[in-house]
PDB file of N, CA and C in Angstrom:
ATOM      1  N   MET A   1     -10.698 131.265  80.111  1.00  0.00           N
ATOM      2  CA  MET A   1     -11.605 131.456  78.748  1.00  0.00           C
ATOM      3  C   MET A   1     -12.043 132.865  78.578  1.00  0.00           C
ATOM      4  N   ARG A   2     -11.982 133.207  77.303  1.00  0.00           N
ATOM      5  CA  ARG A   2     -12.286 134.421  76.763  1.00  0.00           C
ATOM      6  C   ARG A   2     -13.858 134.846  77.112  1.00  0.00           C
ATOM      7  N   GLN A   3     -14.101 136.001  77.369  1.00  0.00           N
ATOM      8  CA  GLN A   3     -15.435 136.281  77.613  1.00  0.00           C
ATOM      9  C   GLN A   3     -16.386 136.242  76.483  1.00  0.00           C
ATOM     10  N   ASP A   4     -15.924 136.296  75.409  1.00  0.00           N
ATOM     11  CA  ASP A   4     -16.914 136.186  74.137  1.00  0.00           C
ATOM     12  C   ASP A   4     -16.734 134.722  73.573  1.00  0.00           C
ATOM     13  N   TYR A   5     -16.347 133.746  74.227  1.00  0.00           N
ATOM     14  CA  TYR A   5     -16.111 132.509  73.767  1.00  0.00           C
ATOM     15  C   TYR A   5     -17.304 131.873  72.875  1.00  0.00           C
ATOM     16  N   PHE A   6     -18.428 131.775  73.772  1.00  0.00           N
ATOM     17  CA  PHE A   6     -19.656 131.251  73.202  1.00  0.00           C
ATOM     18  C   PHE A   6     -20.152 132.023  72.067  1.00  0.00           C
ATOM     19  N   SER A   7     -19.902 133.264  71.984  1.00  0.00           N
ATOM     20  CA  SER A   7     -20.468 133.857  70.917  1.00  0.00           C
ATOM     21  C   SER A   7     -19.689 133.782  69.372  1.00  0.00           C
ATOM     22  N   ARG A   8     -18.475 133.504  69.878  1.00  0.00           N
ATOM     23  CA  ARG A   8     -17.371 133.415  68.708  1.00  0.00           C
ATOM     24  C   ARG A   8     -16.831 131.972  68.372  1.00  0.00           C
ATOM     25  N   VAL A   9     -17.423 131.008  68.984  1.00  0.00           N
ATOM     26  CA  VAL A   9     -16.665 129.708  68.706  1.00  0.00           C
ATOM     27  C   VAL A   9     -16.822 129.324  67.466  1.00  0.00           C
ATOM     28  N   GLU A  10     -18.149 129.523  66.896  1.00  0.00           N
ATOM     29  CA  GLU A  10     -18.242 128.877  65.550  1.00  0.00           C
ATOM     30  C   GLU A  10     -17.614 129.451  64.302  1.00  0.00           C
ATOM     31  N   GLN A  11     -17.169 130.960  64.579  1.00  0.00           N
ATOM     32  CA  GLN A  11     -16.304 131.583  63.708  1.00  0.00           C
ATOM     33  C   GLN A  11     -14.750 131.387  63.698  1.00  0.00           C
ATOM     34  N   GLU A  12     -14.399 130.672  64.814  1.00  0.00           N
ATOM     35  CA  GLU A  12     -13.041 130.476  65.267  1.00  0.00           C
ATOM     36  C   GLU A  12     -12.823 128.904  65.227  1.00  0.00           C
ATOM     37  N   THR A  13     -13.686 128.194  64.993  1.00  0.00           N
ATOM     38  CA  THR A  13     -13.356 126.490  64.892  1.00  0.00           C
ATOM     39  C   THR A  13     -13.276 126.341  63.361  1.00  0.00           C
ATOM     40  N   THR A  14     -12.215 125.577  63.257  1.00  0.00           N
ATOM     41  CA  THR A  14     -11.717 124.888  61.975  1.00  0.00           C
ATOM     42  C   THR A  14     -12.006 123.323  61.964  1.00  0.00           C
ATOM     43  N   VAL A  15     -12.518 122.835  61.086  1.00  0.00           N
ATOM     44  CA  VAL A  15     -13.072 121.411  61.232  1.00  0.00           C
ATOM     45  C   VAL A  15     -12.079 121.002  59.767  1.00  0.00           C
ATOM     46  N   LEU A  16     -10.941 120.251  60.019  1.00  0.00           N
ATOM     47  CA  LEU A  16     -10.419 119.533  59.005  1.00  0.00           C
ATOM     48  C   LEU A  16     -10.483 117.972  58.974  1.00  0.00           C
ATOM     49  N   LEU A  17     -11.138 117.442  57.959  1.00  0.00           N
ATOM     50  CA  LEU A  17     -11.210 115.980  57.874  1.00  0.00           C
ATOM     51  C   LEU A  17     -10.037 115.274  57.215  1.00  0.00           C
ATOM     52  N   GLN A  18      -9.596 114.055  57.828  1.00  0.00           N
ATOM     53  CA  GLN A  18      -8.565 113.582  57.297  1.00  0.00           C
ATOM     54  C   GLN A  18      -9.150 112.444  56.516  1.00  0.00           C
ATOM     55  N   LEU A  19      -8.567 112.189  55.169  1.00  0.00           N
ATOM     56  CA  LEU A  19      -8.837 111.154  54.359  1.00  0.00           C
ATOM     57  C   LEU A  19      -7.755 110.199  54.390  1.00  0.00           C
ATOM     58  N   GLU A  20      -8.034 108.963  54.712  1.00  0.00           N
ATOM     59  CA  GLU A  20      -6.858 107.926  54.972  1.00  0.00           C
ATOM     60  C   GLU A  20      -6.990 106.363  54.124  1.00  0.00           C
ATOM     61  N   THR A  21      -8.231 106.328  53.486  1.00  0.00           N
ATOM     62  CA  THR A  21      -8.444 105.015  52.753  1.00  0.00           C
ATOM     63  C   THR A  21      -8.837 105.588  51.186  1.00  0.00           C
ATOM     64  N   ARG A  22      -8.692 104.432  50.544  1.00  0.00           N
ATOM     65  CA  ARG A  22      -9.164 104.480  49.019  1.00  0.00           C
ATOM     66  C   ARG A  22     -10.709 104.882  48.980  1.00  0.00           C
ATOM     67  N   GLN A  23     -11.680 104.470  49.783  1.00  0.00           N
ATOM     68  CA  GLN A  23     -12.934 104.420  49.892  1.00  0.00           C
ATOM     69  C   GLN A  23     -12.989 106.075  50.402  1.00  0.00           C
ATOM     70  N   ALA A  24     -12.541 106.451  51.422  1.00  0.00           N
ATOM     71  CA  ALA A  24     -12.417 108.003  51.726  1.00  0.00           C
ATOM     72  C   ALA A  24     -12.176 108.729  50.292  1.00  0.00           C
ATOM     73  N   LEU A  25     -10.988 108.460  49.492  1.00  0.00           N
ATOM     74  CA  LEU A  25     -10.819 109.372  48.438  1.00  0.00           C
ATOM     75  C   LEU A  25     -11.941 109.179  47.462  1.00  0.00           C
ATOM     76  N   GLU A  26     -12.578 107.923  47.267  1.00  0.00           N
ATOM     77  CA  GLU A  26     -13.384 107.894  46.262  1.00  0.00           C
ATOM     78  C   GLU A  26     -14.752 108.853  46.644  1.00  0.00           C
ATOM     79  N   ASN A  27     -15.000 109.081  47.990  1.00  0.00           N
ATOM     80  CA  ASN A  27     -16.202 109.699  48.382  1.00  0.00           C
ATOM     81  C   ASN A  27     -15.841 111.344  48.748  1.00  0.00           C
ATOM     82  N   ALA A  28     -14.405 111.827  48.353  1.00  0.00           N
ATOM     83  CA  ALA A  28     -14.010 112.727  49.029  1.00  0.00           C
ATOM     84  C   ALA A  28     -14.891 114.098  48.668  1.00  0.00           C
ATOM     85  N   GLU A  29     -15.301 114.143  47.478  1.00  0.00           N
ATOM     86  CA  GLU A  29     -15.997 115.377  46.967  1.00  0.00           C
ATOM     87  C   GLU A  29     -17.291 115.625  47.891  1.00  0.00           C
ATOM     88  N   GLU A  30     -18.112 114.453  48.332  1.00  0.00           N
ATOM     89  CA  GLU A  30     -19.198 114.380  48.966  1.00  0.00           C
ATOM     90  C   GLU A  30     -18.845 114.794  50.524  1.00  0.00           C
ATOM     91  N   ILE A  31     -17.665 114.217  50.818  1.00  0.00           N
ATOM     92  CA  ILE A  31     -17.217 114.522  52.407  1.00  0.00           C
ATOM     93  C   ILE A  31     -16.837 115.939  52.412  1.00  0.00           C
ATOM     94  N   ALA A  32     -16.131 116.352  51.638  1.00  0.00           N
ATOM     95  CA  ALA A  32     -15.771 117.847  51.700  1.00  0.00           C
ATOM     96  C   ALA A  32     -16.844 118.775  51.418  1.00  0.00           C
ATOM     97  N   SER A  33     -17.988 118.446  50.991  1.00  0.00           N
ATOM     98  CA  SER A  33     -19.120 119.487  50.712  1.00  0.00           C
ATOM     99  C   SER A  33     -19.989 119.385  52.149  1.00  0.00           C
ATOM    100  N   VAL A  34     -19.643 118.620  52.953  1.00  0.00           N
ATOM    101  CA  VAL A  34     -20.670 118.615  54.132  1.00  0.00           C
ATOM    102  C   VAL A  34     -20.545 120.008  54.960  1.00  0.00           C
ATOM    103  N   ASP A  35     -21.546 120.512  55.134  1.00  0.00           N
ATOM    104  CA  ASP A  35     -21.597 121.946  55.671  1.00  0.00           C
ATOM    105  C   ASP A  35     -20.667 121.812  57.063  1.00  0.00           C
ATOM    106  N   GLY A  36     -20.042 122.879  57.043  1.00  0.00           N
ATOM    107  CA  GLY A  36     -18.938 123.223  58.350  1.00  0.00           C
ATOM    108  C   GLY A  36     -17.542 122.671  58.192  1.00  0.00           C
ATOM    109  N   VAL A  37     -17.327 121.740  57.002  1.00  0.00           N
ATOM    110  CA  VAL A  37     -16.041 121.392  56.615  1.00  0.00           C
ATOM    111  C   VAL A  37     -15.264 122.520  56.050  1.00  0.00           C
ATOM    112  N   SER A  38     -13.902 122.790  57.020  1.00  0.00           N
ATOM    113  CA  SER A  38     -13.204 123.894  56.654  1.00  0.00           C
ATOM    114  C   SER A  38     -12.020 123.468  55.692  1.00  0.00           C
ATOM    115  N   GLY A  39     -11.501 122.273  55.546  1.00  0.00           N
ATOM    116  CA  GLY A  39     -10.380 121.792  54.924  1.00  0.00           C
ATOM    117  C   GLY A  39     -10.572 120.178  54.853  1.00  0.00           C
ATOM    118  N   VAL A  40      -9.692 119.835  54.056  1.00  0.00           N
ATOM    119  CA  VAL A  40      -9.405 118.323  53.749  1.00  0.00           C
ATOM    120  C   VAL A  40      -7.953 118.030  53.940  1.00  0.00           C
ATOM    121  N   PHE A  41      -7.730 116.903  54.614  1.00  0.00           N
ATOM    122  CA  PHE A  41      -6.231 116.676  54.954  1.00  0.00           C
ATOM    123  C   PHE A  41      -6.127 115.326  54.243  1.00  0.00           C
ATOM    124  N   PHE A  42      -5.193 114.963  53.573  1.00  0.00           N
ATOM    125  CA  PHE A  42      -4.785 113.522  52.877  1.00  0.00           C
ATOM    126  C   PHE A  42      -3.742 112.833  53.708  1.00  0.00           C
ATOM    127  N   GLY A  43      -3.923 111.770  54.462  1.00  0.00           N
ATOM    128  CA  GLY A  43      -3.176 111.005  54.775  1.00  0.00           C
ATOM    129  C   GLY A  43      -2.213 109.901  54.100  1.00  0.00           C
ATOM    130  N   PRO A  44      -1.204 110.253  53.453  1.00  0.00           N
ATOM    131  CA  PRO A  44      -0.461 109.485  52.581  1.00  0.00           C
ATOM    132  C   PRO A  44      -0.055 108.144  53.205  1.00  0.00           C
ATOM    133  N   ALA A  45       0.385 108.316  54.380  1.00  0.00           N
ATOM    134  CA  ALA A  45       0.932 107.141  55.303  1.00  0.00           C
ATOM    135  C   ALA A  45      -0.065 106.010  55.273  1.00  0.00           C
ATOM    136  N   ASP A  46      -1.369 106.484  55.655  1.00  0.00           N
ATOM    137  CA  ASP A  46      -2.528 105.582  55.815  1.00  0.00           C
ATOM    138  C   ASP A  46      -3.156 105.092  54.524  1.00  0.00           C
ATOM    139  N   ILE A  47      -3.225 106.004  53.551  1.00  0.00           N
ATOM    140  CA  ILE A  47      -3.710 105.716  52.196  1.00  0.00           C
ATOM    141  C   ILE A  47      -2.686 104.811  51.519  1.00  0.00           C
ATOM    142  N   ALA A  48      -1.471 104.958  51.805  1.00  0.00           N
ATOM    143  CA  ALA A  48      -0.394 103.818  51.357  1.00  0.00           C
ATOM    144  C   ALA A  48      -0.639 102.359  51.871  1.00  0.00           C
ATOM    145  N   ALA A  49      -0.819 102.452  53.206  1.00  0.00           N
ATOM    146  CA  ALA A  49      -1.215 101.220  53.949  1.00  0.00           C
ATOM    147  C   ALA A  49      -2.312 100.609  53.475  1.00  0.00           C
ATOM    148  N   ASP A  50      -3.459 101.375  53.002  1.00  0.00           N
ATOM    149  CA  ASP A  50      -4.742 100.894  52.765  1.00  0.00           C
ATOM    150  C   ASP A  50      -4.522 100.190  51.270  1.00  0.00           C
ATOM    151  N   ILE A  51      -3.617 100.732  50.448  1.00  0.00           N
ATOM    152  CA  ILE A  51      -3.534 100.228  49.005  1.00  0.00           C
ATOM    153  C   ILE A  51      -2.476  99.098  49.029  1.00  0.00           C
ATOM    154  N   GLY A  52      -1.814  98.749  50.080  1.00  0.00           N
ATOM    155  CA  GLY A  52      -0.886  97.852  49.884  1.00  0.00           C
ATOM    156  C   GLY A  52       0.523  98.337  49.885  1.00  0.00           C
ATOM    157  N   HIS A  53       0.858  99.514  50.200  1.00  0.00           N
ATOM    158  CA  HIS A  53       2.322  99.922  50.429  1.00  0.00           C
ATOM    159  C   HIS A  53       2.520 100.339  51.570  1.00  0.00           C
ATOM    160  N   LEU A  54       2.241  99.647  52.658  1.00  0.00           N
ATOM    161  CA  LEU A  54       2.730 100.008  53.971  1.00  0.00           C
ATOM    162  C   LEU A  54       4.372 100.652  54.283  1.00  0.00           C
ATOM    163  N   GLY A  55       4.318 101.664  54.655  1.00  0.00           N
ATOM    164  CA  GLY A  55       5.487 102.278  54.985  1.00  0.00           C
ATOM    165  C   GLY A  55       6.212 103.021  53.763  1.00  0.00           C
ATOM    166  N   LYS A  56       5.266 103.257  52.695  1.00  0.00           N
ATOM    167  CA  LYS A  56       5.735 103.913  51.515  1.00  0.00           C
ATOM    168  C   LYS A  56       4.871 105.080  51.224  1.00  0.00           C
ATOM    169  N   PRO A  57       4.505 106.192  52.033  1.00  0.00           N
ATOM    170  CA  PRO A  57       3.790 107.002  51.749  1.00  0.00           C
ATOM    171  C   PRO A  57       4.121 108.236  50.571  1.00  0.00           C
ATOM    172  N   MET A  58       5.272 107.925  49.987  1.00  0.00           N
ATOM    173  CA  MET A  58       5.870 108.718  48.876  1.00  0.00           C
ATOM    174  C   MET A  58       5.839 107.808  47.565  1.00  0.00           C
ATOM    175  N   ALA A  59       5.069 106.711  47.715  1.00  0.00           N
ATOM    176  CA  ALA A  59       5.164 105.802  46.422  1.00  0.00           C
ATOM    177  C   ALA A  59       4.142 106.393  45.307  1.00  0.00           C
ATOM    178  N   ASP A  60       4.728 106.403  44.141  1.00  0.00           N
ATOM    179  CA  ASP A  60       3.767 107.088  42.862  1.00  0.00           C
ATOM    180  C   ASP A  60       2.416 106.586  42.962  1.00  0.00           C
ATOM    181  N   GLU A  61       2.065 105.301  43.498  1.00  0.00           N
ATOM    182  CA  GLU A  61       0.551 104.820  43.180  1.00  0.00           C
ATOM    183  C   GLU A  61      -0.152 105.582  44.289  1.00  0.00           C
ATOM    184  N   VAL A  62       0.411 106.115  45.473  1.00  0.00           N
ATOM    185  CA  VAL A  62      -0.257 106.679  46.414  1.00  0.00           C
ATOM    186  C   VAL A  62      -0.659 108.005  46.134  1.00  0.00           C
ATOM    187  N   TRP A  63       0.255 108.894  45.248  1.00  0.00           N
ATOM    188  CA  TRP A  63       0.076 110.107  44.873  1.00  0.00           C
ATOM    189  C   TRP A  63      -0.737 110.243  43.712  1.00  0.00           C
ATOM    190  N   GLU A  64      -0.769 109.393  42.772  1.00  0.00           N
ATOM    191  CA  GLU A  64      -1.552 109.127  41.629  1.00  0.00           C
ATOM    192  C   GLU A  64      -3.027 109.044  42.151  1.00  0.00           C
ATOM    193  N   LEU A  65      -3.398 108.465  43.203  1.00  0.00           N
ATOM    194  CA  LEU A  65      -4.801 108.452  43.850  1.00  0.00           C
ATOM    195  C   LEU A  65      -4.813 109.957  44.477  1.00  0.00           C
ATOM    196  N   ILE A  66      -4.054 110.459  45.257  1.00  0.00           N
ATOM    197  CA  ILE A  66      -4.317 111.609  46.027  1.00  0.00           C
ATOM    198  C   ILE A  66      -4.652 112.905  44.993  1.00  0.00           C
ATOM    199  N   MET A  67      -3.555 113.164  44.192  1.00  0.00           N
ATOM    200  CA  MET A  67      -3.740 114.392  43.416  1.00  0.00           C
ATOM    201  C   MET A  67      -4.999 114.758  42.707  1.00  0.00           C
ATOM    202  N   PRO A  68      -5.574 113.675  41.728  1.00  0.00           N
ATOM    203  CA  PRO A  68      -6.644 114.037  41.050  1.00  0.00           C
ATOM    204  C   PRO A  68      -7.876 114.218  42.022  1.00  0.00           C
ATOM    205  N   VAL A  69      -7.820 113.430  43.171  1.00  0.00           N
ATOM    206  CA  VAL A  69      -8.987 113.813  44.240  1.00  0.00           C
ATOM    207  C   VAL A  69      -8.753 115.231  44.823  1.00  0.00           C
ATOM    208  N   ALA A  70      -7.441 115.580  45.210  1.00  0.00           N
ATOM    209  CA  ALA A  70      -7.210 117.008  45.914  1.00  0.00           C
ATOM    210  C   ALA A  70      -7.486 117.950  44.869  1.00  0.00           C
ATOM    211  N   LYS A  71      -7.304 118.090  43.427  1.00  0.00           N
ATOM    212  CA  LYS A  71      -7.889 118.848  42.658  1.00  0.00           C
ATOM    213  C   LYS A  71      -9.231 119.217  42.493  1.00  0.00           C
ATOM    214  N   LYS A  72     -10.037 117.922  42.360  1.00  0.00           N
ATOM    215  CA  LYS A  72     -11.661 117.967  42.539  1.00  0.00           C
ATOM    216  C   LYS A  72     -11.959 118.698  43.850  1.00  0.00           C
ATOM    217  N   VAL A  73     -11.357 118.545  45.068  1.00  0.00           N
ATOM    218  CA  VAL A  73     -11.659 119.118  46.356  1.00  0.00           C
ATOM    219  C   VAL A  73     -11.186 120.777  46.202  1.00  0.00           C
ATOM    220  N   MET A  74     -10.225 120.992  45.522  1.00  0.00           N
ATOM    221  CA  MET A  74      -9.728 122.359  45.624  1.00  0.00           C
ATOM    222  C   MET A  74     -10.947 123.170  44.494  1.00  0.00           C
ATOM    223  N   ALA A  75     -11.162 122.482  43.512  1.00  0.00           N
ATOM    224  CA  ALA A  75     -12.120 123.089  42.552  1.00  0.00           C
ATOM    225  C   ALA A  75     -13.440 123.499  43.261  1.00  0.00           C
ATOM    226  N   LEU A  76     -13.858 122.897  44.409  1.00  0.00           N
ATOM    227  CA  LEU A  76     -14.951 123.056  45.215  1.00  0.00           C
ATOM    228  C   LEU A  76     -14.887 124.084  46.206  1.00  0.00           C
ATOM    229  N   GLY A  77     -13.655 124.784  46.062  1.00  0.00           N
ATOM    230  CA  GLY A  77     -12.957 125.740  47.101  1.00  0.00           C
ATOM    231  C   GLY A  77     -12.787 125.401  48.410  1.00  0.00           C
ATOM    232  N   ILE A  78     -12.529 124.245  48.671  1.00  0.00           N
ATOM    233  CA  ILE A  78     -12.189 123.813  49.887  1.00  0.00           C
ATOM    234  C   ILE A  78     -10.626 123.548  50.015  1.00  0.00           C
ATOM    235  N   PRO A  79     -10.091 124.006  51.236  1.00  0.00           N
ATOM    236  CA  PRO A  79      -8.542 123.880  51.222  1.00  0.00           C
ATOM    237  C   PRO A  79      -8.085 122.622  51.568  1.00  0.00           C
ATOM    238  N   VAL A  80      -6.817 121.975  51.002  1.00  0.00           N
ATOM    239  CA  VAL A  80      -6.443 120.680  51.173  1.00  0.00           C
ATOM    240  C   VAL A  80      -5.167 120.939  51.450  1.00  0.00           C
ATOM    241  N   GLY A  81      -4.509 119.830  52.541  1.00  0.00           N
ATOM    242  CA  GLY A  81      -3.269 119.858  52.844  1.00  0.00           C
ATOM    243  C   GLY A  81      -3.004 118.368  52.960  1.00  0.00           C
ATOM    244  N   SER A  82      -1.761 117.995  53.493  1.00  0.00           N
ATOM    245  CA  SER A  82      -1.025 116.738  53.721  1.00  0.00           C
ATOM    246  C   SER A  82       0.169 116.844  54.401  1.00  0.00           C
ATOM    247  N   LEU A  83       0.530 115.676  54.919  1.00  0.00           N
ATOM    248  CA  LEU A  83       1.810 115.511  55.643  1.00  0.00           C
ATOM    249  C   LEU A  83       2.847 115.039  54.615  1.00  0.00           C
ATOM    250  N   VAL A  84       3.945 115.433  54.361  1.00  0.00           N
ATOM    251  CA  VAL A  84       5.041 115.057  53.429  1.00  0.00           C
ATOM    252  C   VAL A  84       6.289 115.605  54.242  1.00  0.00           C
ATOM    253  N   LEU A  85       7.201 114.588  54.495  1.00  0.00           N
ATOM    254  CA  LEU A  85       8.396 115.131  55.229  1.00  0.00           C
ATOM    255  C   LEU A  85       9.577 115.569  54.129  1.00  0.00           C
ATOM    256  N   ASP A  86       9.219 115.294  52.798  1.00  0.00           N
ATOM    257  CA  ASP A  86      10.340 115.909  51.802  1.00  0.00           C
ATOM    258  C   ASP A  86       9.816 117.402  51.664  1.00  0.00           C
ATOM    259  N   ALA A  87      10.939 118.189  51.764  1.00  0.00           N
ATOM    260  CA  ALA A  87      10.529 119.633  51.699  1.00  0.00           C
ATOM    261  C   ALA A  87      10.417 120.033  50.297  1.00  0.00           C
ATOM    262  N   GLY A  88      10.939 119.507  49.176  1.00  0.00           N
ATOM    263  CA  GLY A  88      10.666 119.769  47.753  1.00  0.00           C
ATOM    264  C   GLY A  88       9.528 119.280  47.526  1.00  0.00           C
ATOM    265  N   PHE A  89       8.971 118.291  47.819  1.00  0.00           N
ATOM    266  CA  PHE A  89       7.548 117.879  47.465  1.00  0.00           C
ATOM    267  C   PHE A  89       6.597 118.609  48.181  1.00  0.00           C
ATOM    268  N   SER A  90       6.992 119.023  49.440  1.00  0.00           N
ATOM    269  CA  SER A  90       5.674 119.825  50.082  1.00  0.00           C
ATOM    270  C   SER A  90       5.788 121.294  49.413  1.00  0.00           C
ATOM    271  N   ALA A  91       6.919 121.734  48.989  1.00  0.00           N
ATOM    272  CA  ALA A  91       6.766 123.135  48.213  1.00  0.00           C
ATOM    273  C   ALA A  91       6.084 122.786  46.722  1.00  0.00           C
ATOM    274  N   ARG A  92       6.398 121.634  46.099  1.00  0.00           N
ATOM    275  CA  ARG A  92       5.589 121.472  44.802  1.00  0.00           C
ATOM    276  C   ARG A  92       4.006 121.384  44.986  1.00  0.00           C
ATOM    277  N   LEU A  93       3.676 120.751  46.226  1.00  0.00           N
ATOM    278  CA  LEU A  93       2.223 120.662  46.448  1.00  0.00           C
ATOM    279  C   LEU A  93       1.735 122.107  46.744  1.00  0.00           C
ATOM    280  N   LEU A  94       2.414 122.962  47.458  1.00  0.00           N
ATOM    281  CA  LEU A  94       1.810 124.185  47.686  1.00  0.00           C
ATOM    282  C   LEU A  94       1.831 125.025  46.475  1.00  0.00           C
ATOM    283  N   LYS A  95       2.677 124.899  45.493  1.00  0.00           N
ATOM    284  CA  LYS A  95       2.820 125.450  44.224  1.00  0.00           C
ATOM    285  C   LYS A  95       1.527 124.855  43.372  1.00  0.00           C
ATOM    286  N   GLU A  96       1.126 123.739  43.547  1.00  0.00           N
ATOM    287  CA  GLU A  96       0.085 122.980  42.819  1.00  0.00           C
ATOM    288  C   GLU A  96      -1.202 123.377  43.516  1.00  0.00           C
ATOM    289  N   GLY A  97      -1.337 124.121  44.527  1.00  0.00           N
ATOM    290  CA  GLY A  97      -2.676 124.646  45.231  1.00  0.00           C
ATOM    291  C   GLY A  97      -3.053 124.119  46.623  1.00  0.00           C
ATOM    292  N   PHE A  98      -2.133 123.360  46.889  1.00  0.00           N
ATOM    293  CA  PHE A  98      -2.241 122.688  48.423  1.00  0.00           C
ATOM    294  C   PHE A  98      -2.230 124.235  49.378  1.00  0.00           C
ATOM    295  N   THR A  99      -3.047 123.965  50.315  1.00  0.00           N
ATOM    296  CA  THR A  99      -3.178 125.284  51.090  1.00  0.00           C
ATOM    297  C   THR A  99      -2.355 125.235  52.436  1.00  0.00           C
ATOM    298  N   PHE A 100      -2.246 124.031  53.065  1.00  0.00           N
ATOM    299  CA  PHE A 100      -1.329 123.749  53.879  1.00  0.00           C
ATOM    300  C   PHE A 100      -0.667 122.488  54.071  1.00  0.00           C
ATOM    301  N   MET A 101       0.403 122.340  54.666  1.00  0.00           N
ATOM    302  CA  MET A 101       1.369 121.276  54.715  1.00  0.00           C
ATOM    303  C   MET A 101       1.831 121.097  56.080  1.00  0.00           C
ATOM    304  N   ALA A 102       1.917 119.782  56.471  1.00  0.00           N
ATOM    305  CA  ALA A 102       2.729 119.348  57.696  1.00  0.00           C
ATOM    306  C   ALA A 102       3.946 118.750  57.054  1.00  0.00           C
ATOM    307  N   CYS A 103       5.192 119.535  57.324  1.00  0.00           N
ATOM    308  CA  CYS A 103       6.192 119.145  56.820  1.00  0.00           C
ATOM    309  C   CYS A 103       7.319 118.434  57.790  1.00  0.00           C
ATOM    310  N   GLY A 104       6.735 117.959  58.771  1.00  0.00           N
ATOM    311  CA  GLY A 104       7.635 117.132  59.781  1.00  0.00           C
ATOM    312  C   GLY A 104       6.825 116.585  60.748  1.00  0.00           C
ATOM    313  N   SER A 105       7.230 115.750  61.612  1.00  0.00           N
ATOM    314  CA  SER A 105       6.491 114.867  62.613  1.00  0.00           C
ATOM    315  C   SER A 105       7.273 114.980  63.940  1.00  0.00           C
ATOM    316  N   ASP A 106       6.597 114.976  65.060  1.00  0.00           N
ATOM    317  CA  ASP A 106       7.213 115.257  66.429  1.00  0.00           C
ATOM    318  C   ASP A 106       8.484 114.183  66.383  1.00  0.00           C
ATOM    319  N   ILE A 107       8.205 112.968  65.942  1.00  0.00           N
ATOM    320  CA  ILE A 107       9.250 112.100  66.180  1.00  0.00           C
ATOM    321  C   ILE A 107      10.566 112.181  65.234  1.00  0.00           C
ATOM    322  N   ALA A 108      10.174 112.601  64.067  1.00  0.00           N
ATOM    323  CA  ALA A 108      11.065 112.902  63.079  1.00  0.00           C
ATOM    324  C   ALA A 108      12.119 114.090  63.464  1.00  0.00           C
ATOM    325  N   LEU A 109      11.522 115.186  63.978  1.00  0.00           N
ATOM    326  CA  LEU A 109      12.245 116.398  64.191  1.00  0.00           C
ATOM    327  C   LEU A 109      12.906 116.025  65.614  1.00  0.00           C
ATOM    328  N   LEU A 110      12.460 115.325  66.469  1.00  0.00           N
ATOM    329  CA  LEU A 110      13.073 115.167  67.859  1.00  0.00           C
ATOM    330  C   LEU A 110      14.168 114.106  67.356  1.00  0.00           C
ATOM    331  N   SER A 111      14.160 113.246  66.872  1.00  0.00           N
ATOM    332  CA  SER A 111      15.159 112.275  66.440  1.00  0.00           C
ATOM    333  C   SER A 111      16.246 112.888  65.751  1.00  0.00           C
ATOM    334  N   LYS A 112      16.012 113.734  64.889  1.00  0.00           N
ATOM    335  CA  LYS A 112      17.054 114.645  63.982  1.00  0.00           C
ATOM    336  C   LYS A 112      17.774 115.422  64.885  1.00  0.00           C
ATOM    337  N   GLY A 113      17.054 116.100  65.771  1.00  0.00           N
ATOM    338  CA  GLY A 113      17.829 117.105  66.855  1.00  0.00           C
ATOM    339  C   GLY A 113      18.529 116.113  67.644  1.00  0.00           C
ATOM    340  N   ALA A 114      18.143 115.067  68.112  1.00  0.00           N
ATOM    341  CA  ALA A 114      18.984 114.296  69.085  1.00  0.00           C
ATOM    342  C   ALA A 114      20.112 113.671  68.323  1.00  0.00           C
ATOM    343  N   ASP A 115      19.914 113.423  66.993  1.00  0.00           N
ATOM    344  CA  ASP A 115      21.256 112.911  66.340  1.00  0.00           C
ATOM    345  C   ASP A 115      22.459 114.082  66.013  1.00  0.00           C
ATOM    346  N   LYS A 116      21.916 115.315  65.853  1.00  0.00           N
ATOM    347  CA  LYS A 116      22.864 116.356  65.639  1.00  0.00           C
ATOM    348  C   LYS A 116      23.430 116.623  67.003  1.00  0.00           C
ATOM    349  N   LEU A 117      22.821 116.625  67.973  1.00  0.00           N
ATOM    350  CA  LEU A 117      23.437 116.835  69.562  1.00  0.00           C
ATOM    351  C   LEU A 117      24.479 115.717  69.862  1.00  0.00           C
ATOM    352  N   LEU A 118      23.938 114.585  69.612  1.00  0.00           N
ATOM    353  CA  LEU A 118      25.028 113.361  69.725  1.00  0.00           C
ATOM    354  C   LEU A 118      26.492 114.124  68.657  1.00  0.00           C
ATOM    355  N   ALA A 119      26.149 114.153  67.616  1.00  0.00           N
ATOM    356  CA  ALA A 119      27.219 114.391  66.632  1.00  0.00           C
ATOM    357  C   ALA A 119      28.153 115.634  67.032  1.00  0.00           C
ATOM    358  N   ASP A 120      27.271 116.625  67.640  1.00  0.00           N
ATOM    359  CA  ASP A 120      28.116 117.978  68.228  1.00  0.00           C
ATOM    360  C   ASP A 120      28.799 117.631  69.387  1.00  0.00           C
ATOM    361  N   VAL A 121      28.437 116.628  70.274  1.00  0.00           N
ATOM    362  CA  VAL A 121      29.178 116.214  71.475  1.00  0.00           C
ATOM    363  C   VAL A 121      30.547 115.277  71.114  1.00  0.00           C
ATOM    364  N   LYS A 122      30.110 114.476  70.170  1.00  0.00           N
ATOM    365  CA  LYS A 122      31.418 113.581  69.766  1.00  0.00           C
ATOM    366  C   LYS A 122      32.350 114.364  69.011  1.00  0.00           C
ATOM    367  N   ALA A 123      31.952 115.358  68.231  1.00  0.00           N
ATOM    368  CA  ALA A 123      32.775 116.365  67.663  1.00  0.00           C
ATOM    369  C   ALA A 123      33.882 117.129  68.748  1.00  0.00           C
ATOM    370  N   GLU A 124      33.323 117.204  69.736  1.00  0.00           N
ATOM    371  CA  GLU A 124      34.124 118.036  70.944  1.00  0.00           C
ATOM    372  C   GLU A 124      35.008 117.122  71.570  1.00  0.00           C
ATOM    373  N   LEU A 125      35.003 115.758  71.476  1.00  0.00           N
ATOM    374  CA  LEU A 125      35.766 114.712  72.112  1.00  0.00           C
ATOM    375  C   LEU A 125      36.746 114.684  71.889  1.00  0.00           C
TER     376      LEU A 125
END
């Protein structure tokens, strides 16, 4: 542990709140305004499930809910982010003011790497 941990912990701690339901989106500005909140992360997969689009985090209806709320939170000066596996859509969100993006998941990255390794081995046979 660093010697100055206790004197610096508050300056070095980031608090990101994840919004995952329609109700959370409806209360996003109030949630984002809580003292100490460093940023808001929109969870499109969970929002999709909450509104009846299980397994469809890229559905238009999901992003039609997220985008106006994200812009309101950005207007408060609060950084926003999300998880999107599509590189082009991730870049679009960053261009539109999102501050941070998760562009992959552990299972997706692991399975793609395993698939490539298997294909490489088969190619050598």
